[in-house]
Amino acid sequence: MIPAPVPEQVSEVCATFLRVAPPGLVTGLYLRGGTGFGEWVPGQSDVDFVATLAHRPDRAAVEALRVAHEQVAAAHPDVAFDGVHVLASDLTGDPADCPDVPIVLGRLFEGEGVLHEAVVVWHELARHGVRVAGPPIAELGVWTSQAVLLAFTRANLDTYWRGSAEALTAMPSEGAREEACCWCVLGVTRLHHLLVTGEMTTKSRAGRWGLGAYPERFHRVLREALRIREDIHEVEASSYGDDREARGRDTAALTAWVVAQGTESPSGPTGSATTLPSRR
């Protein structure tokens, strides 16, 4: 039985996958991401899953999984069902040791995919996962390491997000698009929230946290990103109006500022900052 907090649309996607999955192959299905945090946003959030398998799939089993995900996508075209297929034993060890496994990202199935964010997957599953089928998560013995998680998060800011910040600064028109504003502003803020507080969270909750933690000059673009994320266009107009250039500049400025804050030398015993950034 799928737990009550899971939205009906998410339950339906999971039920379809379990129905069409190769018989006997899937031993467990667990959800993370927005569903795990209790903040799944229709039209915005993916259904992020971890499926445990009875054995490492051979070519025929991989093809059967591919077909199953094609059926899920056809039955639920408005919801991306993205995730990984691992052995339960993979979850008990350092994700760096996990071999390439079947993954689905952006509805694209890959038979032997690299789990670039496996550290995040393992920790979200262990701390905020939702069981749909299979043994309780507590019985899986999922590996976690706060030090590794924080180091991975800081490195993510220092590589992918630093490059994004530099690109936005050079061409702020890119950040003027609503999708880019939401993705960048809430994306970096969520990572910074983890480094400052030690806790994982959702994009929306991170944005609301930023309103209390960040300098006031960033509040306008934080509220704009939350407006876009929470799909309240009909009840709340953009504070930027038609001034796309201002939104682009603010998106670039916040992204660069958070990257700088999040990649400073760690000061706390766990490798995370011990105080909130100063208000200036």
C-alpha atoms as a PDB file:
ATOM      1  CA  MET A   1       0.000   0.000   0.000  1.00  0.00           C
ATOM      2  CA  ILE A   2       1.417   3.400  -0.958  1.00  0.00           C
ATOM      3  CA  PRO A   3       1.631   5.779   2.046  1.00  0.00           C
ATOM      4  CA  ALA A   4      -1.073   8.449   2.351  1.00  0.00           C
ATOM      5  CA  PRO A   5       1.268  11.472   1.926  1.00  0.00           C
ATOM      6  CA  VAL A   6       2.090  10.405  -1.623  1.00  0.00           C
ATOM      7  CA  PRO A   7       0.011  12.468  -4.086  1.00  0.00           C
ATOM      8  CA  GLU A   8      -2.506  10.505  -6.143  1.00  0.00           C
ATOM      9  CA  GLN A   9      -0.742  11.336  -9.410  1.00  0.00           C
ATOM     10  CA  VAL A  10       2.521   9.940  -8.013  1.00  0.00           C
ATOM     11  CA  SER A  11       0.767   6.803  -6.754  1.00  0.00           C
ATOM     12  CA  GLU A  12      -0.673   6.176 -10.190  1.00  0.00           C
ATOM     13  CA  VAL A  13       2.740   6.432 -11.872  1.00  0.00           C
ATOM     14  CA  CYS A  14       4.267   4.015  -9.360  1.00  0.00           C
ATOM     15  CA  ALA A  15       1.391   1.570  -9.742  1.00  0.00           C
ATOM     16  CA  THR A  16       1.850   1.576 -13.507  1.00  0.00           C
ATOM     17  CA  PHE A  17       5.576   0.865 -13.224  1.00  0.00           C
ATOM     18  CA  LEU A  18       5.075  -2.006 -10.788  1.00  0.00           C
ATOM     19  CA  ARG A  19       2.420  -3.473 -13.084  1.00  0.00           C
ATOM     20  CA  VAL A  20       4.524  -3.354 -16.262  1.00  0.00           C
ATOM     21  CA  ALA A  21       7.958  -4.077 -14.748  1.00  0.00           C
ATOM     22  CA  PRO A  22       9.545  -7.428 -15.719  1.00  0.00           C
ATOM     23  CA  PRO A  23       8.028 -10.119 -13.451  1.00  0.00           C
ATOM     24  CA  GLY A  24      10.222 -10.983 -10.485  1.00  0.00           C
ATOM     25  CA  LEU A  25      12.896  -8.389 -11.249  1.00  0.00           C
ATOM     26  CA  VAL A  26      11.868  -5.437  -9.063  1.00  0.00           C
ATOM     27  CA  THR A  27      12.119  -6.203  -5.346  1.00  0.00           C
ATOM     28  CA  GLY A  28      11.513  -2.700  -4.034  1.00  0.00           C
ATOM     29  CA  LEU A  29      10.390   0.751  -5.138  1.00  0.00           C
ATOM     30  CA  TYR A  30      11.217   3.870  -3.126  1.00  0.00           C
ATOM     31  CA  LEU A  31      10.684   7.586  -3.734  1.00  0.00           C
ATOM     32  CA  ARG A  32      12.905  10.536  -2.939  1.00  0.00           C
ATOM     33  CA  GLY A  33      13.087  14.153  -4.104  1.00  0.00           C
ATOM     34  CA  GLY A  34      10.033  16.331  -3.614  1.00  0.00           C
ATOM     35  CA  THR A  35       7.835  13.351  -2.787  1.00  0.00           C
ATOM     36  CA  GLY A  36      10.185  12.279  -0.003  1.00  0.00           C
ATOM     37  CA  PHE A  37      10.171  15.783   1.474  1.00  0.00           C
ATOM     38  CA  GLY A  38       6.392  16.066   1.225  1.00  0.00           C
ATOM     39  CA  GLU A  39       6.629  18.905  -1.278  1.00  0.00           C
ATOM     40  CA  TRP A  40       5.807  17.453  -4.676  1.00  0.00           C
ATOM     41  CA  VAL A  41       4.649  20.230  -7.031  1.00  0.00           C
ATOM     42  CA  PRO A  42       2.293  19.169  -9.867  1.00  0.00           C
ATOM     43  CA  GLY A  43       3.614  20.306 -13.220  1.00  0.00           C
ATOM     44  CA  GLN A  44       7.044  21.041 -11.745  1.00  0.00           C
ATOM     45  CA  SER A  45       8.313  18.022  -9.820  1.00  0.00           C
ATOM     46  CA  ASP A  46       9.520  14.737 -11.239  1.00  0.00           C
ATOM     47  CA  VAL A  47       8.777  11.427  -9.563  1.00  0.00           C
ATOM     48  CA  ASP A  48      12.283  10.470  -8.436  1.00  0.00           C
ATOM     49  CA  PHE A  49      12.638   6.780  -7.641  1.00  0.00           C
ATOM     50  CA  VAL A  50      15.080   4.114  -6.542  1.00  0.00           C
ATOM     51  CA  ALA A  51      14.168   0.599  -7.663  1.00  0.00           C
ATOM     52  CA  THR A  52      15.941  -2.398  -6.171  1.00  0.00           C
ATOM     53  CA  LEU A  53      16.383  -5.454  -8.380  1.00  0.00           C
ATOM     54  CA  ALA A  54      16.608  -9.154  -7.627  1.00  0.00           C
ATOM     55  CA  HIS A  55      19.804  -9.456  -9.660  1.00  0.00           C
ATOM     56  CA  ARG A  56      22.084  -7.459 -11.919  1.00  0.00           C
ATOM     57  CA  PRO A  57      20.052  -7.292 -15.153  1.00  0.00           C
ATOM     58  CA  ASP A  58      21.347  -8.980 -18.284  1.00  0.00           C
ATOM     59  CA  ARG A  59      20.727  -7.556 -21.748  1.00  0.00           C
ATOM     60  CA  ALA A  60      17.232  -9.037 -21.963  1.00  0.00           C
ATOM     61  CA  ALA A  61      16.243  -7.675 -18.548  1.00  0.00           C
ATOM     62  CA  VAL A  62      17.607  -4.230 -19.414  1.00  0.00           C
ATOM     63  CA  GLU A  63      15.538  -4.214 -22.592  1.00  0.00           C
ATOM     64  CA  ALA A  64      12.470  -5.263 -20.619  1.00  0.00           C
ATOM     65  CA  LEU A  65      13.058  -2.362 -18.222  1.00  0.00           C
ATOM     66  CA  ARG A  66      13.365  -0.017 -21.180  1.00  0.00           C
ATOM     67  CA  VAL A  67      10.006  -1.179 -22.518  1.00  0.00           C
ATOM     68  CA  ALA A  68       8.445  -0.827 -19.062  1.00  0.00           C
ATOM     69  CA  HIS A  69       9.557   2.800 -18.821  1.00  0.00           C
ATOM     70  CA  GLU A  70       8.269   3.525 -22.306  1.00  0.00           C
ATOM     71  CA  GLN A  71       4.899   2.239 -21.145  1.00  0.00           C
ATOM     72  CA  VAL A  72       5.020   4.407 -18.024  1.00  0.00           C
ATOM     73  CA  ALA A  73       5.855   7.476 -20.122  1.00  0.00           C
ATOM     74  CA  ALA A  74       3.030   6.726 -22.535  1.00  0.00           C
ATOM     75  CA  ALA A  75       0.532   6.273 -19.708  1.00  0.00           C
ATOM     76  CA  HIS A  76       1.686   9.374 -17.807  1.00  0.00           C
ATOM     77  CA  PRO A  77       3.054  11.861 -20.376  1.00  0.00           C
ATOM     78  CA  ASP A  78       2.872  14.816 -18.001  1.00  0.00           C
ATOM     79  CA  VAL A  79       5.017  13.322 -15.226  1.00  0.00           C
ATOM     80  CA  ALA A  80       8.684  12.348 -15.555  1.00  0.00           C
ATOM     81  CA  PHE A  81       9.472   9.088 -13.738  1.00  0.00           C
ATOM     82  CA  ASP A  82      13.217   9.378 -13.226  1.00  0.00           C
ATOM     83  CA  GLY A  83      15.521   7.194 -11.185  1.00  0.00           C
ATOM     84  CA  VAL A  84      17.918   4.324 -10.812  1.00  0.00           C
ATOM     85  CA  HIS A  85      17.795   0.542 -10.719  1.00  0.00           C
ATOM     86  CA  VAL A  86      20.271  -0.955  -8.251  1.00  0.00           C
ATOM     87  CA  LEU A  87      20.759  -4.005  -6.086  1.00  0.00           C
ATOM     88  CA  ALA A  88      19.831  -3.573  -2.441  1.00  0.00           C
ATOM     89  CA  SER A  89      23.441  -4.465  -1.645  1.00  0.00           C
ATOM     90  CA  ASP A  90      24.642  -1.466  -3.701  1.00  0.00           C
ATOM     91  CA  LEU A  91      22.885   0.821  -1.232  1.00  0.00           C
ATOM     92  CA  THR A  92      24.849  -0.500   1.743  1.00  0.00           C
ATOM     93  CA  GLY A  93      28.191   0.740   0.383  1.00  0.00           C
ATOM     94  CA  ASP A  94      29.834   3.937  -0.766  1.00  0.00           C
ATOM     95  CA  PRO A  95      27.967   5.041  -3.928  1.00  0.00           C
ATOM     96  CA  ALA A  96      31.356   5.671  -5.542  1.00  0.00           C
ATOM     97  CA  ASP A  97      31.720   1.882  -5.697  1.00  0.00           C
ATOM     98  CA  CYS A  98      28.377   1.324  -7.423  1.00  0.00           C
ATOM     99  CA  PRO A  99      28.774   0.070 -11.000  1.00  0.00           C
ATOM    100  CA  ASP A 100      26.952   1.626 -13.941  1.00  0.00           C
ATOM    101  CA  VAL A 101      23.285   0.670 -13.729  1.00  0.00           C
ATOM    102  CA  PRO A 102      20.078   1.277 -15.691  1.00  0.00           C
ATOM    103  CA  ILE A 103      18.915   4.857 -15.139  1.00  0.00           C
ATOM    104  CA  VAL A 104      16.139   7.109 -16.383  1.00  0.00           C
ATOM    105  CA  LEU A 105      16.765  10.852 -16.571  1.00  0.00           C
ATOM    106  CA  GLY A 106      14.435  13.262 -18.293  1.00  0.00           C
ATOM    107  CA  ARG A 107      12.456  10.237 -19.509  1.00  0.00           C
ATOM    108  CA  LEU A 108      15.574   8.992 -21.322  1.00  0.00           C
ATOM    109  CA  PHE A 109      16.488   5.399 -20.454  1.00  0.00           C
ATOM    110  CA  GLU A 110      20.121   4.324 -20.358  1.00  0.00           C
ATOM    111  CA  GLY A 111      21.027   0.682 -19.814  1.00  0.00           C
ATOM    112  CA  GLU A 112      24.408   1.414 -18.198  1.00  0.00           C
ATOM    113  CA  GLY A 113      24.341   4.890 -16.759  1.00  0.00           C
ATOM    114  CA  VAL A 114      26.752   6.664 -14.436  1.00  0.00           C
ATOM    115  CA  LEU A 115      25.169   7.826 -11.172  1.00  0.00           C
ATOM    116  CA  HIS A 116      26.715  11.277 -11.052  1.00  0.00           C
ATOM    117  CA  GLU A 117      24.638  12.311  -8.029  1.00  0.00           C
ATOM    118  CA  ALA A 118      24.574   8.932  -6.297  1.00  0.00           C
ATOM    119  CA  VAL A 119      25.719  10.525  -3.029  1.00  0.00           C
ATOM    120  CA  VAL A 120      22.594  12.680  -3.027  1.00  0.00           C
ATOM    121  CA  VAL A 121      20.400   9.725  -4.019  1.00  0.00           C
ATOM    122  CA  TRP A 122      21.678   7.542  -1.167  1.00  0.00           C
ATOM    123  CA  HIS A 123      21.258  10.283   1.447  1.00  0.00           C
ATOM    124  CA  GLU A 124      17.803  11.380   0.331  1.00  0.00           C
ATOM    125  CA  LEU A 125      16.672   7.774   0.341  1.00  0.00           C
ATOM    126  CA  ALA A 126      18.071   7.118   3.810  1.00  0.00           C
ATOM    127  CA  ARG A 127      16.791  10.340   5.374  1.00  0.00           C
ATOM    128  CA  HIS A 128      13.649  11.240   3.455  1.00  0.00           C
ATOM    129  CA  GLY A 129      12.729   8.241   1.341  1.00  0.00           C
ATOM    130  CA  VAL A 130       9.201   6.894   0.962  1.00  0.00           C
ATOM    131  CA  ARG A 131       8.583   3.170   0.609  1.00  0.00           C
ATOM    132  CA  VAL A 132       6.152   2.123  -2.113  1.00  0.00           C
ATOM    133  CA  ALA A 133       7.044  -1.578  -2.309  1.00  0.00           C
ATOM    134  CA  GLY A 134       9.687  -3.813  -0.762  1.00  0.00           C
ATOM    135  CA  PRO A 135      11.337  -3.907   2.667  1.00  0.00           C
ATOM    136  CA  PRO A 136      11.192  -0.832   4.915  1.00  0.00           C
ATOM    137  CA  ILE A 137      13.976   1.636   4.143  1.00  0.00           C
ATOM    138  CA  ALA A 138      15.391   1.239   7.644  1.00  0.00           C
ATOM    139  CA  GLU A 139      16.074  -2.412   6.861  1.00  0.00           C
ATOM    140  CA  LEU A 140      18.059  -1.607   3.717  1.00  0.00           C
ATOM    141  CA  GLY A 141      21.062  -0.302   5.660  1.00  0.00           C
ATOM    142  CA  VAL A 142      21.653   2.580   3.260  1.00  0.00           C
ATOM    143  CA  TRP A 143      25.189   3.988   3.474  1.00  0.00           C
ATOM    144  CA  THR A 144      25.534   7.630   4.512  1.00  0.00           C
ATOM    145  CA  SER A 145      28.373  10.007   5.370  1.00  0.00           C
ATOM    146  CA  GLN A 146      27.698  13.629   6.240  1.00  0.00           C
ATOM    147  CA  ALA A 147      31.291  14.587   5.460  1.00  0.00           C
ATOM    148  CA  VAL A 148      31.117  13.040   1.984  1.00  0.00           C
ATOM    149  CA  LEU A 149      27.724  14.640   1.314  1.00  0.00           C
ATOM    150  CA  LEU A 150      28.984  18.105   2.258  1.00  0.00           C
ATOM    151  CA  ALA A 151      32.164  17.703   0.229  1.00  0.00           C
ATOM    152  CA  PHE A 152      30.141  16.592  -2.800  1.00  0.00           C
ATOM    153  CA  THR A 153      27.788  19.555  -2.401  1.00  0.00           C
ATOM    154  CA  ARG A 154      30.609  22.068  -2.155  1.00  0.00           C
ATOM    155  CA  ALA A 155      32.304  20.532  -5.206  1.00  0.00           C
ATOM    156  CA  ASN A 156      29.028  20.783  -7.132  1.00  0.00           C
ATOM    157  CA  LEU A 157      28.876  24.502  -6.364  1.00  0.00           C
ATOM    158  CA  ASP A 158      32.525  24.917  -7.277  1.00  0.00           C
ATOM    159  CA  THR A 159      32.210  23.223 -10.674  1.00  0.00           C
ATOM    160  CA  TYR A 160      28.803  23.069 -12.342  1.00  0.00           C
ATOM    161  CA  TRP A 161      27.310  26.049 -10.547  1.00  0.00           C
ATOM    162  CA  ARG A 162      30.436  28.211 -10.744  1.00  0.00           C
ATOM    163  CA  GLY A 163      30.435  27.683 -14.498  1.00  0.00           C
ATOM    164  CA  SER A 164      26.729  28.532 -14.622  1.00  0.00           C
ATOM    165  CA  ALA A 165      27.303  31.677 -12.562  1.00  0.00           C
ATOM    166  CA  GLU A 166      30.067  32.828 -14.895  1.00  0.00           C
ATOM    167  CA  ALA A 167      27.870  32.187 -17.945  1.00  0.00           C
ATOM    168  CA  LEU A 168      24.953  34.098 -16.406  1.00  0.00           C
ATOM    169  CA  THR A 169      27.200  37.016 -15.510  1.00  0.00           C
ATOM    170  CA  ALA A 170      28.523  37.161 -19.054  1.00  0.00           C
ATOM    171  CA  MET A 171      25.055  36.840 -20.571  1.00  0.00           C
ATOM    172  CA  PRO A 172      22.365  37.760 -18.003  1.00  0.00           C
ATOM    173  CA  SER A 173      19.656  37.441 -20.656  1.00  0.00           C
ATOM    174  CA  GLU A 174      19.910  33.680 -20.114  1.00  0.00           C
ATOM    175  CA  GLY A 175      18.745  34.099 -16.531  1.00  0.00           C
ATOM    176  CA  ALA A 176      15.856  36.284 -17.633  1.00  0.00           C
ATOM    177  CA  ARG A 177      13.833  33.270 -18.717  1.00  0.00           C
ATOM    178  CA  GLU A 178      11.445  32.069 -16.018  1.00  0.00           C
ATOM    179  CA  GLU A 179      12.739  28.493 -16.195  1.00  0.00           C
ATOM    180  CA  ALA A 180      16.351  29.615 -15.811  1.00  0.00           C
ATOM    181  CA  CYS A 181      15.554  31.973 -12.939  1.00  0.00           C
ATOM    182  CA  CYS A 182      13.754  29.241 -11.009  1.00  0.00           C
ATOM    183  CA  TRP A 183      16.365  26.565 -11.751  1.00  0.00           C
ATOM    184  CA  CYS A 184      19.401  28.667 -10.836  1.00  0.00           C
ATOM    185  CA  VAL A 185      18.110  30.671  -7.887  1.00  0.00           C
ATOM    186  CA  LEU A 186      16.515  27.760  -6.054  1.00  0.00           C
ATOM    187  CA  GLY A 187      19.123  25.238  -7.212  1.00  0.00           C
ATOM    188  CA  VAL A 188      22.095  27.008  -5.639  1.00  0.00           C
ATOM    189  CA  THR A 189      20.094  28.057  -2.588  1.00  0.00           C
ATOM    190  CA  ARG A 190      19.141  24.450  -1.860  1.00  0.00           C
ATOM    191  CA  LEU A 191      22.797  23.393  -1.908  1.00  0.00           C
ATOM    192  CA  HIS A 192      23.806  26.342   0.264  1.00  0.00           C
ATOM    193  CA  HIS A 193      21.068  25.471   2.756  1.00  0.00           C
ATOM    194  CA  LEU A 194      22.654  22.041   3.189  1.00  0.00           C
ATOM    195  CA  LEU A 195      26.122  23.502   3.726  1.00  0.00           C
ATOM    196  CA  VAL A 196      24.883  26.024   6.286  1.00  0.00           C
ATOM    197  CA  THR A 197      22.346  23.931   8.196  1.00  0.00           C
ATOM    198  CA  GLY A 198      23.560  20.385   7.557  1.00  0.00           C
ATOM    199  CA  GLU A 199      20.051  19.434   6.405  1.00  0.00           C
ATOM    200  CA  MET A 200      18.769  18.472   2.967  1.00  0.00           C
ATOM    201  CA  THR A 201      15.636  20.219   1.755  1.00  0.00           C
ATOM    202  CA  THR A 202      13.511  21.032  -1.284  1.00  0.00           C
ATOM    203  CA  LYS A 203      13.944  23.934  -3.674  1.00  0.00           C
ATOM    204  CA  SER A 204      10.864  25.753  -2.369  1.00  0.00           C
ATOM    205  CA  ARG A 205      11.821  25.371   1.272  1.00  0.00           C
ATOM    206  CA  ALA A 206      15.340  26.498   0.476  1.00  0.00           C
ATOM    207  CA  GLY A 207      13.965  29.585  -1.236  1.00  0.00           C
ATOM    208  CA  ARG A 208      11.875  30.476   1.798  1.00  0.00           C
ATOM    209  CA  TRP A 209      14.918  29.888   4.004  1.00  0.00           C
ATOM    210  CA  GLY A 210      16.911  32.243   1.798  1.00  0.00           C
ATOM    211  CA  LEU A 211      14.386  35.010   2.452  1.00  0.00           C
ATOM    212  CA  GLY A 212      15.420  34.895   6.093  1.00  0.00           C
ATOM    213  CA  ALA A 213      19.116  34.181   5.577  1.00  0.00           C
ATOM    214  CA  TYR A 214      20.192  36.221   2.556  1.00  0.00           C
ATOM    215  CA  PRO A 215      20.735  39.973   2.124  1.00  0.00           C
ATOM    216  CA  GLU A 216      17.593  41.889   1.249  1.00  0.00           C
ATOM    217  CA  ARG A 217      18.900  42.722  -2.212  1.00  0.00           C
ATOM    218  CA  PHE A 218      18.267  39.093  -3.208  1.00  0.00           C
ATOM    219  CA  HIS A 219      14.733  38.821  -1.823  1.00  0.00           C
ATOM    220  CA  ARG A 220      13.042  40.030  -4.994  1.00  0.00           C
ATOM    221  CA  VAL A 221      14.539  37.325  -7.184  1.00  0.00           C
ATOM    222  CA  LEU A 222      13.991  34.680  -4.485  1.00  0.00           C
ATOM    223  CA  ARG A 223      10.287  35.536  -4.401  1.00  0.00           C
ATOM    224  CA  GLU A 224      10.207  35.486  -8.194  1.00  0.00           C
ATOM    225  CA  ALA A 225      11.749  32.010  -8.293  1.00  0.00           C
ATOM    226  CA  LEU A 226       9.257  30.785  -5.697  1.00  0.00           C
ATOM    227  CA  ARG A 227       6.379  32.284  -7.676  1.00  0.00           C
ATOM    228  CA  ILE A 228       7.531  30.402 -10.772  1.00  0.00           C
ATOM    229  CA  ARG A 229       8.270  27.179  -8.898  1.00  0.00           C
ATOM    230  CA  GLU A 230       4.946  27.081  -7.097  1.00  0.00           C
ATOM    231  CA  ASP A 231       3.026  27.931 -10.264  1.00  0.00           C
ATOM    232  CA  ILE A 232       1.051  30.835  -8.859  1.00  0.00           C
ATOM    233  CA  HIS A 233       1.163  32.988 -11.983  1.00  0.00           C
ATOM    234  CA  GLU A 234      -2.610  33.426 -11.999  1.00  0.00           C
ATOM    235  CA  VAL A 235      -2.813  34.834  -8.460  1.00  0.00           C
ATOM    236  CA  GLU A 236       0.485  36.696  -8.188  1.00  0.00           C
ATOM    237  CA  ALA A 237       2.019  38.797 -10.924  1.00  0.00           C
ATOM    238  CA  SER A 238       5.758  39.014 -11.403  1.00  0.00           C
ATOM    239  CA  SER A 239       7.342  41.875  -9.478  1.00  0.00           C
ATOM    240  CA  TYR A 240       9.598  42.354 -12.517  1.00  0.00           C
ATOM    241  CA  GLY A 241       6.729  43.016 -14.885  1.00  0.00           C
ATOM    242  CA  ASP A 242       8.214  43.245 -18.378  1.00  0.00           C
ATOM    243  CA  ASP A 243      11.711  43.999 -17.085  1.00  0.00           C
ATOM    244  CA  ARG A 244      13.346  40.746 -18.114  1.00  0.00           C
ATOM    245  CA  GLU A 245      16.793  42.330 -18.014  1.00  0.00           C
ATOM    246  CA  ALA A 246      16.470  43.068 -14.292  1.00  0.00           C
ATOM    247  CA  ARG A 247      15.395  39.487 -13.611  1.00  0.00           C
ATOM    248  CA  GLY A 248      18.384  38.208 -15.563  1.00  0.00           C
ATOM    249  CA  ARG A 249      20.796  40.458 -13.680  1.00  0.00           C
ATOM    250  CA  ASP A 250      19.373  39.446 -10.312  1.00  0.00           C
ATOM    251  CA  THR A 251      19.478  35.754 -11.202  1.00  0.00           C
ATOM    252  CA  ALA A 252      23.126  36.086 -12.180  1.00  0.00           C
ATOM    253  CA  ALA A 253      23.992  38.098  -9.076  1.00  0.00           C
ATOM    254  CA  LEU A 254      22.384  35.694  -6.621  1.00  0.00           C
ATOM    255  CA  THR A 255      23.887  32.636  -8.310  1.00  0.00           C
ATOM    256  CA  ALA A 256      27.397  34.121  -8.212  1.00  0.00           C
ATOM    257  CA  TRP A 257      27.001  35.280  -4.601  1.00  0.00           C
ATOM    258  CA  VAL A 258      25.807  31.901  -3.354  1.00  0.00           C
ATOM    259  CA  VAL A 259      28.608  30.074  -5.185  1.00  0.00           C
ATOM    260  CA  ALA A 260      31.130  32.372  -3.508  1.00  0.00           C
ATOM    261  CA  GLN A 261      29.542  31.905  -0.085  1.00  0.00           C
ATOM    262  CA  GLY A 262      29.224  28.139  -0.424  1.00  0.00           C
ATOM    263  CA  THR A 263      32.761  27.515  -1.598  1.00  0.00           C
ATOM    264  CA  GLU A 264      34.534  29.459   1.132  1.00  0.00           C
ATOM    265  CA  SER A 265      36.815  27.430   3.395  1.00  0.00           C
ATOM    266  CA  PRO A 266      34.663  25.359   5.773  1.00  0.00           C
ATOM    267  CA  SER A 267      34.719  26.622   9.355  1.00  0.00           C
ATOM    268  CA  GLY A 268      32.715  24.047  11.272  1.00  0.00           C
ATOM    269  CA  PRO A 269      33.787  20.640  12.619  1.00  0.00           C
ATOM    270  CA  THR A 270      31.616  18.857  10.050  1.00  0.00           C
ATOM    271  CA  GLY A 271      32.965  20.859   7.140  1.00  0.00           C
ATOM    272  CA  SER A 272      29.946  23.129   6.908  1.00  0.00           C
ATOM    273  CA  ALA A 273      29.597  26.773   7.751  1.00  0.00           C
ATOM    274  CA  THR A 274      28.626  27.422  11.360  1.00  0.00           C
ATOM    275  CA  THR A 275      26.799  30.725  10.875  1.00  0.00           C
ATOM    276  CA  LEU A 276      24.444  32.227   8.342  1.00  0.00           C
ATOM    277  CA  PRO A 277      25.951  34.576   5.788  1.00  0.00           C
ATOM    278  CA  SER A 278      26.097  38.191   6.902  1.00  0.00           C
ATOM    279  CA  ARG A 279      23.435  40.606   5.675  1.00  0.00           C
ATOM    280  CA  ARG A 280      24.931  43.385   3.602  1.00  0.00           C
END
